[in-house]
Structures are given as C-alpha cells and as structure tokens.
Amino acid sequence: MRVVIVGAGGLGGPIALALARAPVELTIVDPDRVELSNLHRQVQFSDADVGAAKATRLAARVGGVGIVGRWTAPDQALAGDLIVDASDDPATKFAIADHAVATRRPYVIASALRYGGNVMVGAPGAACYRCLFEDVPDEVPSCAAAGVLGPVVGVIGGLAAALALRLVANDRRDAGSIYVVDDARVDHAPRVVRFARRAGCTCRSS
C-alpha cells in the first residue's frame, strides 16, 4: 500500500516514524524547512537539520520519498492508496478529504492545537470530514499563533498512526468516527464520537 503523509512537522514526524516499519511505501509532502523554534515539538529533527527541507529529511530517516511542496489533488503521485493529513492548514484538510471521497480512498485527518487535538477517520461509504465540519472555517488559529504543547503532537500523532495502521490492514471499523483528546495534560484517553452522514453532503453520492 502506498501511504501519503501530508505534513512533516509535529504530527507528521510521529506518524511517519510509526508507519515506517509497516508494509507500506511512504511518501511525505511538506513545503517547509526545519526551524530552530520547531525542535521542541518535532522530535524527528535535531539542530543539524535546521534549514533543511522537512519532507526530504524525514523521508530519508524513514526510508520513504520526500516531496518539497504543497499537496495537490490532481497529482496522482501524491494521491496514494491511503492519505494521512498531518498539516496545520484547514483548507488542505478539506481538500484531502474531498479528494479521498471522490476517488474512494480511505483517509485520516489529524489536528493538534494548544493542549489537545483530534483524529478523524474516513473511508468509502462512511460519513466524511464535511459531514462533521461542513466547510473551511473563515478563521482558525494556527499552531504558530496559538501554540501547541510539545507532547500533545506525540499523543495525537501516535493515535493517528494507530488508526492509519488499521486502515492499512483493511480494518475500517473506525470510518466515520472522530477521536478527541480534550486536554492531554489531564487525560490522554480519547473520546470517540461516531457521526452519521449529513443530508446533502457530497459524500452521500459516493
């Protein structure tokens, strides 16, 4: 199975490291370079990596292919059999989910901010990302602006990797569910919310 991880930062690092020993081919996509301010929450990098492209440096570490740039849906090289979003950009998350629904691919969308985060799992026939969130929000605080506690990305990234590995094994029991960690300082155990397909959502035609 070809797995594309979009984002090589705080979430993408733990996800890639966890999937590296699975029977998959990894492609990692990210437009950014390692900055000193990243290191407290991006354990896959060190001082020696500052200034290097995140995608290629992480790919070299896990034996995958690194692509420096943004994920674009029409490029089949960036499609994969399974897409795992680890970006911090809401528009990218919606674009990945839309593409996965349209092409009938399973996908995982991971998010982390401040002290918590969530992981949504999608697959053909199940409720999709838009069933839950409907559309790209007008304004969302970024990790750079709002911050994220370093260990939180490890918790959310590890959870996303575990859910992705179930999809790799063709286990789709989590499709149409979101795992929510409200505050990792208090409790790492996620709440699991299963949601129905929303009337009028584009996924209903899939």
N, C-alpha and C. Protein backbone atom coordinates (compact mmCIF):
# COMPACT_ATOMS: atom_id res chain seq x y z
N MET A 1 0.85 -1.19 0.00
CA MET A 1 0.00 0.00 0.00
C MET A 1 0.88 1.24 0.00
N ARG A 2 0.50 2.22 -0.80
CA ARG A 2 1.19 3.50 -0.85
C ARG A 2 0.48 4.47 0.10
N VAL A 3 1.21 4.97 1.07
CA VAL A 3 0.65 5.91 2.05
C VAL A 3 1.31 7.26 1.86
N VAL A 4 0.49 8.28 1.67
CA VAL A 4 0.99 9.65 1.57
C VAL A 4 0.70 10.37 2.88
N ILE A 5 1.74 10.92 3.48
CA ILE A 5 1.59 11.73 4.70
C ILE A 5 1.79 13.19 4.29
N VAL A 6 0.79 14.00 4.53
CA VAL A 6 0.86 15.41 4.17
C VAL A 6 1.20 16.19 5.44
N GLY A 7 2.42 16.67 5.51
CA GLY A 7 2.90 17.36 6.70
C GLY A 7 4.02 16.56 7.35
N ALA A 8 5.16 17.20 7.55
CA ALA A 8 6.31 16.52 8.14
C ALA A 8 6.74 17.16 9.45
N GLY A 9 5.79 17.86 10.08
CA GLY A 9 6.11 18.58 11.30
C GLY A 9 5.80 17.80 12.56
N GLY A 10 5.17 18.49 13.53
CA GLY A 10 4.92 17.88 14.83
C GLY A 10 4.07 16.64 14.77
N LEU A 11 3.07 16.61 13.91
CA LEU A 11 2.23 15.43 13.75
C LEU A 11 2.81 14.45 12.74
N GLY A 12 3.32 14.97 11.63
CA GLY A 12 3.84 14.10 10.59
C GLY A 12 5.02 13.26 11.02
N GLY A 13 5.84 13.80 11.91
CA GLY A 13 7.00 13.05 12.40
C GLY A 13 6.62 11.77 13.12
N PRO A 14 5.83 11.84 14.20
CA PRO A 14 5.42 10.61 14.89
C PRO A 14 4.67 9.64 13.98
N ILE A 15 3.85 10.17 13.09
CA ILE A 15 3.08 9.30 12.19
C ILE A 15 4.04 8.54 11.26
N ALA A 16 4.98 9.26 10.66
CA ALA A 16 5.93 8.62 9.74
C ALA A 16 6.80 7.60 10.47
N LEU A 17 7.28 7.95 11.65
CA LEU A 17 8.12 7.02 12.40
C LEU A 17 7.35 5.75 12.76
N ALA A 18 6.07 5.89 13.10
CA ALA A 18 5.27 4.72 13.47
C ALA A 18 4.94 3.85 12.26
N LEU A 19 4.75 4.48 11.09
CA LEU A 19 4.39 3.71 9.90
C LEU A 19 5.60 3.15 9.17
N ALA A 20 6.79 3.58 9.55
CA ALA A 20 7.99 3.21 8.80
C ALA A 20 8.22 1.71 8.76
N ARG A 21 7.83 0.99 9.78
CA ARG A 21 8.05 -0.46 9.81
C ARG A 21 6.85 -1.26 9.33
N ALA A 22 5.81 -0.57 8.91
CA ALA A 22 4.65 -1.25 8.35
C ALA A 22 4.93 -1.62 6.89
N PRO A 23 4.17 -2.58 6.33
CA PRO A 23 4.38 -2.97 4.94
C PRO A 23 3.77 -1.96 3.97
N VAL A 24 4.33 -0.75 3.98
CA VAL A 24 3.80 0.33 3.13
C VAL A 24 4.95 1.07 2.48
N GLU A 25 4.64 1.79 1.40
CA GLU A 25 5.56 2.72 0.76
C GLU A 25 5.14 4.12 1.18
N LEU A 26 6.05 4.85 1.79
CA LEU A 26 5.73 6.17 2.32
C LEU A 26 6.18 7.29 1.39
N THR A 27 5.28 8.24 1.18
CA THR A 27 5.62 9.49 0.52
C THR A 27 5.23 10.61 1.49
N ILE A 28 6.15 11.54 1.70
CA ILE A 28 5.94 12.62 2.67
C ILE A 28 5.99 13.95 1.92
N VAL A 29 4.96 14.76 2.12
CA VAL A 29 4.82 16.02 1.39
C VAL A 29 4.79 17.18 2.39
N ASP A 30 5.66 18.16 2.19
CA ASP A 30 5.67 19.33 3.07
C ASP A 30 6.46 20.43 2.37
N PRO A 31 5.98 21.68 2.41
CA PRO A 31 6.70 22.77 1.72
C PRO A 31 7.75 23.47 2.57
N ASP A 32 7.82 23.15 3.86
CA ASP A 32 8.59 23.97 4.79
C ASP A 32 9.98 23.40 5.09
N ARG A 33 10.76 24.23 5.76
CA ARG A 33 12.09 23.84 6.22
C ARG A 33 12.13 23.84 7.74
N VAL A 34 13.04 23.08 8.29
CA VAL A 34 13.16 22.96 9.75
C VAL A 34 13.67 24.27 10.33
N GLU A 35 12.98 24.73 11.37
CA GLU A 35 13.40 25.94 12.08
C GLU A 35 13.73 25.58 13.52
N LEU A 36 14.60 26.36 14.11
CA LEU A 36 15.01 26.09 15.50
C LEU A 36 13.81 26.07 16.43
N SER A 37 12.83 26.94 16.17
CA SER A 37 11.65 27.02 17.03
C SER A 37 10.76 25.78 16.92
N ASN A 38 10.99 24.92 15.90
CA ASN A 38 10.21 23.70 15.72
C ASN A 38 10.64 22.58 16.65
N LEU A 39 11.90 22.60 17.07
CA LEU A 39 12.52 21.39 17.61
C LEU A 39 11.88 20.87 18.89
N HIS A 40 11.24 21.73 19.67
CA HIS A 40 10.66 21.26 20.93
C HIS A 40 9.47 20.34 20.70
N ARG A 41 8.86 20.41 19.51
CA ARG A 41 7.70 19.56 19.26
C ARG A 41 7.87 18.67 18.02
N GLN A 42 9.05 18.69 17.42
CA GLN A 42 9.30 17.87 16.22
C GLN A 42 10.52 17.00 16.50
N VAL A 43 10.26 15.89 17.21
CA VAL A 43 11.34 15.06 17.72
C VAL A 43 12.11 14.35 16.62
N GLN A 44 11.59 14.34 15.41
CA GLN A 44 12.29 13.67 14.31
C GLN A 44 13.47 14.48 13.79
N PHE A 45 13.58 15.74 14.23
CA PHE A 45 14.66 16.61 13.77
C PHE A 45 15.58 16.99 14.93
N SER A 46 16.80 17.42 14.56
CA SER A 46 17.77 17.89 15.54
C SER A 46 18.34 19.22 15.07
N ASP A 47 19.26 19.78 15.86
CA ASP A 47 19.89 21.04 15.49
C ASP A 47 20.54 20.95 14.11
N ALA A 48 21.06 19.78 13.77
CA ALA A 48 21.75 19.61 12.49
C ALA A 48 20.80 19.72 11.30
N ASP A 49 19.49 19.58 11.56
CA ASP A 49 18.51 19.63 10.46
C ASP A 49 17.99 21.03 10.19
N VAL A 50 18.33 22.00 11.03
CA VAL A 50 17.81 23.35 10.86
C VAL A 50 18.19 23.88 9.48
N GLY A 51 17.18 24.36 8.75
CA GLY A 51 17.40 24.87 7.40
C GLY A 51 17.13 23.86 6.30
N ALA A 52 17.06 22.58 6.65
CA ALA A 52 16.81 21.54 5.66
C ALA A 52 15.32 21.41 5.39
N ALA A 53 14.98 20.88 4.22
CA ALA A 53 13.58 20.64 3.88
C ALA A 53 13.03 19.52 4.76
N LYS A 54 11.89 19.78 5.41
CA LYS A 54 11.32 18.79 6.32
C LYS A 54 10.98 17.49 5.59
N ALA A 55 10.38 17.60 4.42
CA ALA A 55 9.91 16.40 3.72
C ALA A 55 11.05 15.45 3.37
N THR A 56 12.12 15.99 2.80
CA THR A 56 13.21 15.12 2.38
C THR A 56 14.01 14.59 3.57
N ARG A 57 14.16 15.41 4.62
CA ARG A 57 14.92 14.95 5.78
C ARG A 57 14.16 13.84 6.52
N LEU A 58 12.85 14.01 6.69
CA LEU A 58 12.06 12.97 7.36
C LEU A 58 11.97 11.73 6.49
N ALA A 59 11.79 11.90 5.19
CA ALA A 59 11.72 10.75 4.29
C ALA A 59 13.00 9.94 4.33
N ALA A 60 14.14 10.60 4.38
CA ALA A 60 15.41 9.89 4.45
C ALA A 60 15.51 9.07 5.73
N ARG A 61 14.95 9.61 6.80
CA ARG A 61 15.02 8.90 8.08
C ARG A 61 14.14 7.65 8.10
N VAL A 62 13.01 7.68 7.39
CA VAL A 62 12.07 6.55 7.45
C VAL A 62 12.09 5.69 6.19
N GLY A 63 12.98 6.00 5.26
CA GLY A 63 13.08 5.19 4.06
C GLY A 63 11.96 5.42 3.07
N GLY A 64 11.49 6.66 3.01
CA GLY A 64 10.41 7.00 2.08
C GLY A 64 10.85 7.99 1.04
N VAL A 65 9.88 8.55 0.33
CA VAL A 65 10.13 9.56 -0.69
C VAL A 65 9.65 10.90 -0.14
N GLY A 66 10.48 11.91 -0.23
CA GLY A 66 10.10 13.24 0.23
C GLY A 66 9.83 14.17 -0.93
N ILE A 67 8.75 14.91 -0.86
CA ILE A 67 8.40 15.88 -1.90
C ILE A 67 8.24 17.24 -1.22
N VAL A 68 9.08 18.18 -1.64
CA VAL A 68 9.04 19.52 -1.07
C VAL A 68 8.01 20.35 -1.85
N GLY A 69 6.92 20.65 -1.21
CA GLY A 69 5.85 21.40 -1.86
C GLY A 69 4.53 21.11 -1.17
N ARG A 70 3.50 21.71 -1.68
CA ARG A 70 2.17 21.51 -1.11
C ARG A 70 1.47 20.36 -1.81
N TRP A 71 0.62 19.67 -1.07
CA TRP A 71 -0.16 18.58 -1.65
C TRP A 71 -1.19 19.16 -2.61
N THR A 72 -1.28 18.55 -3.81
CA THR A 72 -2.28 18.97 -4.78
C THR A 72 -3.05 17.74 -5.26
N ALA A 73 -4.36 17.82 -5.23
CA ALA A 73 -5.21 16.66 -5.52
C ALA A 73 -5.02 16.06 -6.91
N PRO A 74 -4.85 16.84 -7.98
CA PRO A 74 -4.79 16.21 -9.30
C PRO A 74 -3.53 15.37 -9.53
N ASP A 75 -2.50 15.57 -8.73
CA ASP A 75 -1.25 14.85 -8.93
C ASP A 75 -1.35 13.46 -8.33
N GLN A 76 -1.46 12.44 -9.17
CA GLN A 76 -1.66 11.08 -8.67
C GLN A 76 -0.46 10.56 -7.89
N ALA A 77 0.72 11.14 -8.14
CA ALA A 77 1.88 10.73 -7.36
C ALA A 77 1.71 11.08 -5.89
N LEU A 78 0.83 12.06 -5.62
CA LEU A 78 0.59 12.48 -4.25
C LEU A 78 -0.74 11.95 -3.71
N ALA A 79 -1.36 11.05 -4.47
CA ALA A 79 -2.67 10.55 -4.05
C ALA A 79 -2.54 9.41 -3.05
N GLY A 80 -1.80 8.38 -3.40
CA GLY A 80 -1.62 7.24 -2.51
C GLY A 80 -2.87 6.39 -2.40
N ASP A 81 -2.71 5.21 -1.80
CA ASP A 81 -3.85 4.34 -1.52
C ASP A 81 -4.52 4.75 -0.22
N LEU A 82 -3.75 5.41 0.64
CA LEU A 82 -4.23 5.93 1.92
C LEU A 82 -3.57 7.29 2.11
N ILE A 83 -4.35 8.29 2.47
CA ILE A 83 -3.82 9.64 2.68
C ILE A 83 -3.98 9.99 4.16
N VAL A 84 -2.88 10.43 4.76
CA VAL A 84 -2.89 10.85 6.17
C VAL A 84 -2.54 12.33 6.22
N ASP A 85 -3.47 13.14 6.67
CA ASP A 85 -3.23 14.57 6.78
C ASP A 85 -2.64 14.89 8.15
N ALA A 86 -1.47 15.51 8.14
CA ALA A 86 -0.82 15.97 9.36
C ALA A 86 -0.44 17.44 9.23
N SER A 87 -1.16 18.14 8.36
CA SER A 87 -0.87 19.55 8.12
C SER A 87 -1.52 20.41 9.21
N ASP A 88 -1.19 21.70 9.19
CA ASP A 88 -1.85 22.64 10.11
C ASP A 88 -2.69 23.65 9.33
N ASP A 89 -3.15 23.23 8.15
CA ASP A 89 -3.89 24.11 7.26
C ASP A 89 -5.28 23.56 7.00
N PRO A 90 -6.35 24.21 7.49
CA PRO A 90 -7.70 23.70 7.30
C PRO A 90 -8.08 23.47 5.84
N ALA A 91 -7.66 24.36 4.95
CA ALA A 91 -8.01 24.20 3.53
C ALA A 91 -7.41 22.92 2.97
N THR A 92 -6.19 22.59 3.38
CA THR A 92 -5.56 21.35 2.93
C THR A 92 -6.32 20.14 3.45
N LYS A 93 -6.76 20.19 4.69
CA LYS A 93 -7.51 19.08 5.27
C LYS A 93 -8.80 18.82 4.47
N PHE A 94 -9.52 19.87 4.16
CA PHE A 94 -10.75 19.71 3.38
C PHE A 94 -10.45 19.20 1.98
N ALA A 95 -9.38 19.71 1.35
CA ALA A 95 -9.02 19.27 0.01
C ALA A 95 -8.67 17.78 -0.01
N ILE A 96 -7.94 17.33 0.99
CA ILE A 96 -7.57 15.91 1.07
C ILE A 96 -8.81 15.06 1.29
N ALA A 97 -9.68 15.47 2.20
CA ALA A 97 -10.89 14.70 2.46
C ALA A 97 -11.77 14.65 1.22
N ASP A 98 -11.93 15.77 0.53
CA ASP A 98 -12.75 15.80 -0.68
C ASP A 98 -12.19 14.88 -1.75
N HIS A 99 -10.88 14.91 -1.93
CA HIS A 99 -10.24 14.07 -2.94
C HIS A 99 -10.39 12.59 -2.58
N ALA A 100 -10.22 12.28 -1.30
CA ALA A 100 -10.35 10.89 -0.87
C ALA A 100 -11.76 10.37 -1.09
N VAL A 101 -12.76 11.19 -0.80
CA VAL A 101 -14.15 10.79 -1.02
C VAL A 101 -14.40 10.59 -2.52
N ALA A 102 -13.94 11.55 -3.33
CA ALA A 102 -14.19 11.48 -4.77
C ALA A 102 -13.52 10.28 -5.43
N THR A 103 -12.37 9.87 -4.90
CA THR A 103 -11.62 8.77 -5.50
C THR A 103 -11.75 7.47 -4.71
N ARG A 104 -12.63 7.49 -3.69
CA ARG A 104 -12.93 6.30 -2.89
C ARG A 104 -11.68 5.72 -2.23
N ARG A 105 -10.95 6.61 -1.57
CA ARG A 105 -9.76 6.21 -0.80
C ARG A 105 -10.02 6.40 0.68
N PRO A 106 -9.46 5.54 1.53
CA PRO A 106 -9.51 5.80 2.97
C PRO A 106 -8.56 6.93 3.33
N TYR A 107 -8.84 7.61 4.43
CA TYR A 107 -8.00 8.74 4.83
C TYR A 107 -8.10 8.97 6.33
N VAL A 108 -7.10 9.69 6.85
CA VAL A 108 -7.04 10.07 8.25
C VAL A 108 -6.68 11.56 8.30
N ILE A 109 -7.42 12.31 9.11
CA ILE A 109 -7.16 13.75 9.27
C ILE A 109 -6.82 14.01 10.73
N ALA A 110 -5.61 14.50 11.00
CA ALA A 110 -5.16 14.74 12.37
C ALA A 110 -4.95 16.23 12.61
N SER A 111 -5.33 16.68 13.81
CA SER A 111 -5.18 18.09 14.18
C SER A 111 -4.74 18.19 15.63
N ALA A 112 -3.89 19.17 15.93
CA ALA A 112 -3.46 19.41 17.31
C ALA A 112 -3.30 20.91 17.51
N LEU A 113 -3.73 21.39 18.66
CA LEU A 113 -3.63 22.80 18.99
C LEU A 113 -3.65 22.95 20.50
N ARG A 114 -2.80 23.78 21.01
CA ARG A 114 -2.69 24.04 22.44
C ARG A 114 -2.49 22.73 23.22
N TYR A 115 -3.53 22.27 23.94
CA TYR A 115 -3.36 21.13 24.83
C TYR A 115 -4.09 19.87 24.35
N GLY A 116 -4.70 19.92 23.18
CA GLY A 116 -5.48 18.77 22.73
C GLY A 116 -5.49 18.66 21.22
N GLY A 117 -6.32 17.77 20.74
CA GLY A 117 -6.42 17.57 19.30
C GLY A 117 -7.43 16.49 18.99
N ASN A 118 -7.50 16.14 17.70
CA ASN A 118 -8.44 15.11 17.28
C ASN A 118 -7.95 14.41 16.03
N VAL A 119 -8.50 13.22 15.80
CA VAL A 119 -8.18 12.44 14.61
C VAL A 119 -9.48 11.90 14.04
N MET A 120 -9.74 12.22 12.77
CA MET A 120 -10.93 11.74 12.09
C MET A 120 -10.53 10.67 11.08
N VAL A 121 -11.35 9.62 10.98
CA VAL A 121 -11.09 8.51 10.06
C VAL A 121 -12.20 8.44 9.03
N GLY A 122 -11.83 8.37 7.76
CA GLY A 122 -12.82 8.29 6.69
C GLY A 122 -12.53 7.13 5.76
N ALA A 123 -13.57 6.64 5.12
CA ALA A 123 -13.45 5.56 4.14
C ALA A 123 -14.70 5.58 3.28
N PRO A 124 -14.64 4.98 2.09
CA PRO A 124 -15.82 4.97 1.21
C PRO A 124 -17.06 4.42 1.90
N GLY A 125 -18.17 5.13 1.73
CA GLY A 125 -19.43 4.69 2.30
C GLY A 125 -19.73 5.21 3.69
N ALA A 126 -18.71 5.78 4.36
CA ALA A 126 -18.90 6.29 5.72
C ALA A 126 -19.07 7.80 5.70
N ALA A 127 -19.53 8.35 6.82
CA ALA A 127 -19.61 9.80 6.97
C ALA A 127 -18.22 10.39 6.74
N CYS A 128 -18.18 11.59 6.14
CA CYS A 128 -16.90 12.19 5.75
C CYS A 128 -16.58 13.42 6.59
N TYR A 129 -15.46 14.01 6.29
CA TYR A 129 -14.99 15.19 7.02
C TYR A 129 -15.99 16.34 6.92
N ARG A 130 -16.59 16.51 5.74
CA ARG A 130 -17.58 17.57 5.57
C ARG A 130 -18.89 17.26 6.27
N CYS A 131 -19.19 16.00 6.50
CA CYS A 131 -20.39 15.68 7.28
C CYS A 131 -20.28 16.27 8.68
N LEU A 132 -19.06 16.36 9.18
CA LEU A 132 -18.83 16.85 10.53
C LEU A 132 -18.57 18.34 10.58
N PHE A 133 -17.68 18.83 9.72
CA PHE A 133 -17.25 20.23 9.79
C PHE A 133 -17.83 21.11 8.68
N GLU A 134 -18.43 20.53 7.69
CA GLU A 134 -19.14 21.20 6.59
C GLU A 134 -18.25 22.00 5.64
N ASP A 135 -17.51 23.01 6.13
CA ASP A 135 -16.74 23.82 5.19
C ASP A 135 -15.53 24.43 5.90
N VAL A 136 -14.59 24.92 5.09
CA VAL A 136 -13.39 25.54 5.63
C VAL A 136 -13.78 26.76 6.47
N PRO A 137 -13.36 26.83 7.72
CA PRO A 137 -13.73 27.97 8.56
C PRO A 137 -13.06 29.25 8.07
N ASP A 138 -13.69 30.37 8.35
CA ASP A 138 -13.15 31.66 7.93
C ASP A 138 -11.84 31.98 8.64
N GLU A 139 -11.77 31.59 9.89
CA GLU A 139 -10.56 31.91 10.66
C GLU A 139 -10.32 30.84 11.71
N VAL A 140 -9.12 30.29 11.71
CA VAL A 140 -8.73 29.27 12.68
C VAL A 140 -7.34 29.62 13.18
N PRO A 141 -7.11 29.60 14.50
CA PRO A 141 -5.77 29.89 15.00
C PRO A 141 -4.78 28.82 14.56
N SER A 142 -3.60 29.23 14.15
CA SER A 142 -2.58 28.29 13.73
C SER A 142 -1.73 27.87 14.92
N CYS A 143 -0.95 26.80 14.74
CA CYS A 143 -0.04 26.39 15.81
C CYS A 143 0.98 27.49 16.11
N ALA A 144 1.41 28.18 15.04
CA ALA A 144 2.39 29.25 15.23
C ALA A 144 1.82 30.38 16.08
N ALA A 145 0.53 30.66 15.89
CA ALA A 145 -0.09 31.76 16.62
C ALA A 145 -0.58 31.35 18.00
N ALA A 146 -1.23 30.18 18.08
CA ALA A 146 -1.85 29.75 19.33
C ALA A 146 -0.96 28.82 20.16
N GLY A 147 0.00 28.19 19.49
CA GLY A 147 0.90 27.29 20.19
C GLY A 147 0.33 25.89 20.35
N VAL A 148 1.21 24.95 20.61
CA VAL A 148 0.80 23.58 20.92
C VAL A 148 1.84 22.99 21.87
N LEU A 149 1.36 22.36 22.92
CA LEU A 149 2.24 21.72 23.89
C LEU A 149 2.99 20.58 23.20
N GLY A 150 4.31 20.54 23.35
CA GLY A 150 5.13 19.56 22.65
C GLY A 150 4.62 18.12 22.72
N PRO A 151 4.35 17.57 23.91
CA PRO A 151 3.90 16.18 24.00
C PRO A 151 2.55 15.92 23.34
N VAL A 152 1.74 16.97 23.13
CA VAL A 152 0.42 16.77 22.53
C VAL A 152 0.54 16.20 21.12
N VAL A 153 1.51 16.69 20.33
CA VAL A 153 1.63 16.18 18.97
C VAL A 153 2.05 14.71 18.97
N GLY A 154 2.79 14.30 20.00
CA GLY A 154 3.13 12.88 20.12
C GLY A 154 1.91 12.03 20.39
N VAL A 155 1.04 12.52 21.28
CA VAL A 155 -0.19 11.80 21.61
C VAL A 155 -1.10 11.69 20.38
N ILE A 156 -1.34 12.82 19.72
CA ILE A 156 -2.24 12.84 18.57
C ILE A 156 -1.60 12.12 17.38
N GLY A 157 -0.31 12.32 17.16
CA GLY A 157 0.37 11.64 16.07
C GLY A 157 0.37 10.13 16.25
N GLY A 158 0.61 9.67 17.48
CA GLY A 158 0.57 8.23 17.74
C GLY A 158 -0.81 7.65 17.53
N LEU A 159 -1.84 8.38 17.94
CA LEU A 159 -3.21 7.94 17.73
C LEU A 159 -3.53 7.88 16.24
N ALA A 160 -3.12 8.91 15.49
CA ALA A 160 -3.37 8.92 14.05
C ALA A 160 -2.67 7.74 13.37
N ALA A 161 -1.45 7.45 13.79
CA ALA A 161 -0.71 6.33 13.20
C ALA A 161 -1.40 5.00 13.48
N ALA A 162 -1.88 4.83 14.71
CA ALA A 162 -2.57 3.58 15.06
C ALA A 162 -3.83 3.39 14.22
N LEU A 163 -4.57 4.47 14.02
CA LEU A 163 -5.80 4.39 13.22
C LEU A 163 -5.47 4.18 11.74
N ALA A 164 -4.37 4.78 11.27
CA ALA A 164 -3.94 4.55 9.89
C ALA A 164 -3.53 3.10 9.68
N LEU A 165 -2.87 2.52 10.66
CA LEU A 165 -2.44 1.12 10.53
C LEU A 165 -3.63 0.18 10.45
N ARG A 166 -4.73 0.52 11.11
CA ARG A 166 -5.94 -0.29 10.96
C ARG A 166 -6.44 -0.24 9.52
N LEU A 167 -6.38 0.94 8.92
CA LEU A 167 -6.81 1.07 7.53
C LEU A 167 -5.87 0.31 6.60
N VAL A 168 -4.58 0.33 6.90
CA VAL A 168 -3.61 -0.44 6.12
C VAL A 168 -3.98 -1.93 6.15
N ALA A 169 -4.47 -2.39 7.30
CA ALA A 169 -4.88 -3.78 7.45
C ALA A 169 -6.30 -4.03 6.94
N ASN A 170 -6.86 -3.03 6.25
CA ASN A 170 -8.21 -3.10 5.70
C ASN A 170 -9.28 -3.23 6.78
N ASP A 171 -8.99 -2.71 7.97
CA ASP A 171 -9.95 -2.67 9.07
C ASP A 171 -10.56 -1.27 9.08
N ARG A 172 -11.82 -1.17 8.71
CA ARG A 172 -12.47 0.13 8.57
C ARG A 172 -13.52 0.38 9.64
N ARG A 173 -13.35 -0.25 10.78
CA ARG A 173 -14.34 -0.09 11.86
C ARG A 173 -14.42 1.35 12.37
N ASP A 174 -13.35 2.12 12.19
CA ASP A 174 -13.32 3.49 12.72
C ASP A 174 -13.82 4.52 11.73
N ALA A 175 -14.12 4.11 10.50
CA ALA A 175 -14.56 5.08 9.49
C ALA A 175 -15.83 5.78 9.93
N GLY A 176 -15.86 7.09 9.76
CA GLY A 176 -16.99 7.88 10.22
C GLY A 176 -16.93 8.19 11.70
N SER A 177 -15.71 8.16 12.26
CA SER A 177 -15.52 8.46 13.68
C SER A 177 -14.46 9.53 13.86
N ILE A 178 -14.56 10.26 14.96
CA ILE A 178 -13.51 11.20 15.34
C ILE A 178 -13.09 10.89 16.77
N TYR A 179 -11.78 10.81 16.97
CA TYR A 179 -11.20 10.58 18.29
C TYR A 179 -10.73 11.93 18.82
N VAL A 180 -11.19 12.31 20.00
CA VAL A 180 -10.93 13.65 20.52
C VAL A 180 -10.19 13.57 21.85
N VAL A 181 -9.05 14.24 21.93
CA VAL A 181 -8.32 14.41 23.19
C VAL A 181 -8.52 15.87 23.60
N ASP A 182 -9.32 16.08 24.63
CA ASP A 182 -9.67 17.45 25.02
C ASP A 182 -8.49 18.18 25.65
N ASP A 183 -7.76 17.53 26.56
CA ASP A 183 -6.65 18.17 27.24
C ASP A 183 -5.67 17.07 27.66
N ALA A 184 -4.58 16.95 26.93
CA ALA A 184 -3.62 15.87 27.18
C ALA A 184 -2.91 16.03 28.52
N ARG A 185 -2.99 17.19 29.14
CA ARG A 185 -2.39 17.37 30.46
C ARG A 185 -3.20 16.64 31.51
N VAL A 186 -4.48 16.41 31.22
CA VAL A 186 -5.39 15.79 32.19
C VAL A 186 -5.60 14.32 31.89
N ASP A 187 -5.83 14.00 30.62
CA ASP A 187 -6.15 12.62 30.26
C ASP A 187 -5.81 12.39 28.79
N HIS A 188 -5.02 11.36 28.51
CA HIS A 188 -4.65 11.03 27.13
C HIS A 188 -5.70 10.18 26.44
N ALA A 189 -6.61 9.58 27.20
CA ALA A 189 -7.61 8.69 26.61
C ALA A 189 -8.60 9.51 25.78
N PRO A 190 -8.76 9.20 24.51
CA PRO A 190 -9.65 10.00 23.67
C PRO A 190 -11.12 9.65 23.86
N ARG A 191 -11.97 10.65 23.63
CA ARG A 191 -13.40 10.39 23.45
C ARG A 191 -13.61 9.97 22.00
N VAL A 192 -14.43 8.98 21.79
CA VAL A 192 -14.70 8.52 20.43
C VAL A 192 -16.14 8.89 20.07
N VAL A 193 -16.28 9.69 19.03
CA VAL A 193 -17.60 10.14 18.59
C VAL A 193 -17.84 9.59 17.19
N ARG A 194 -18.89 8.80 17.04
CA ARG A 194 -19.26 8.28 15.73
C ARG A 194 -20.40 9.14 15.20
N PHE A 195 -20.30 9.60 13.97
CA PHE A 195 -21.31 10.50 13.44
C PHE A 195 -21.89 9.97 12.13
N ALA A 196 -23.11 10.41 11.85
CA ALA A 196 -23.84 9.93 10.67
C ALA A 196 -23.54 10.79 9.46
N ARG A 197 -23.80 10.26 8.29
CA ARG A 197 -23.66 11.02 7.07
C ARG A 197 -24.70 12.14 7.06
N ARG A 198 -24.23 13.33 6.74
CA ARG A 198 -25.10 14.51 6.77
C ARG A 198 -25.92 14.60 5.48
N ALA A 199 -27.20 14.85 5.62
CA ALA A 199 -28.07 15.01 4.46
C ALA A 199 -27.55 16.14 3.58
N GLY A 200 -27.43 15.87 2.27
CA GLY A 200 -26.96 16.88 1.35
C GLY A 200 -25.46 16.94 1.19
N CYS A 201 -24.72 16.21 2.00
CA CYS A 201 -23.26 16.21 1.88
C CYS A 201 -22.84 15.49 0.62
N THR A 202 -21.75 15.93 0.01
CA THR A 202 -21.29 15.32 -1.23
C THR A 202 -20.90 13.86 -1.07
N CYS A 203 -20.56 13.44 0.14
CA CYS A 203 -20.15 12.04 0.33
C CYS A 203 -21.33 11.08 0.15
N ARG A 204 -22.55 11.59 0.18
CA ARG A 204 -23.70 10.72 0.05
C ARG A 204 -23.83 10.13 -1.35
N SER A 205 -23.14 10.75 -2.31
CA SER A 205 -23.18 10.23 -3.67
C SER A 205 -22.04 9.28 -3.96
N SER A 206 -21.18 9.06 -2.95
CA SER A 206 -20.01 8.19 -3.17
C SER A 206 -20.40 6.73 -3.03
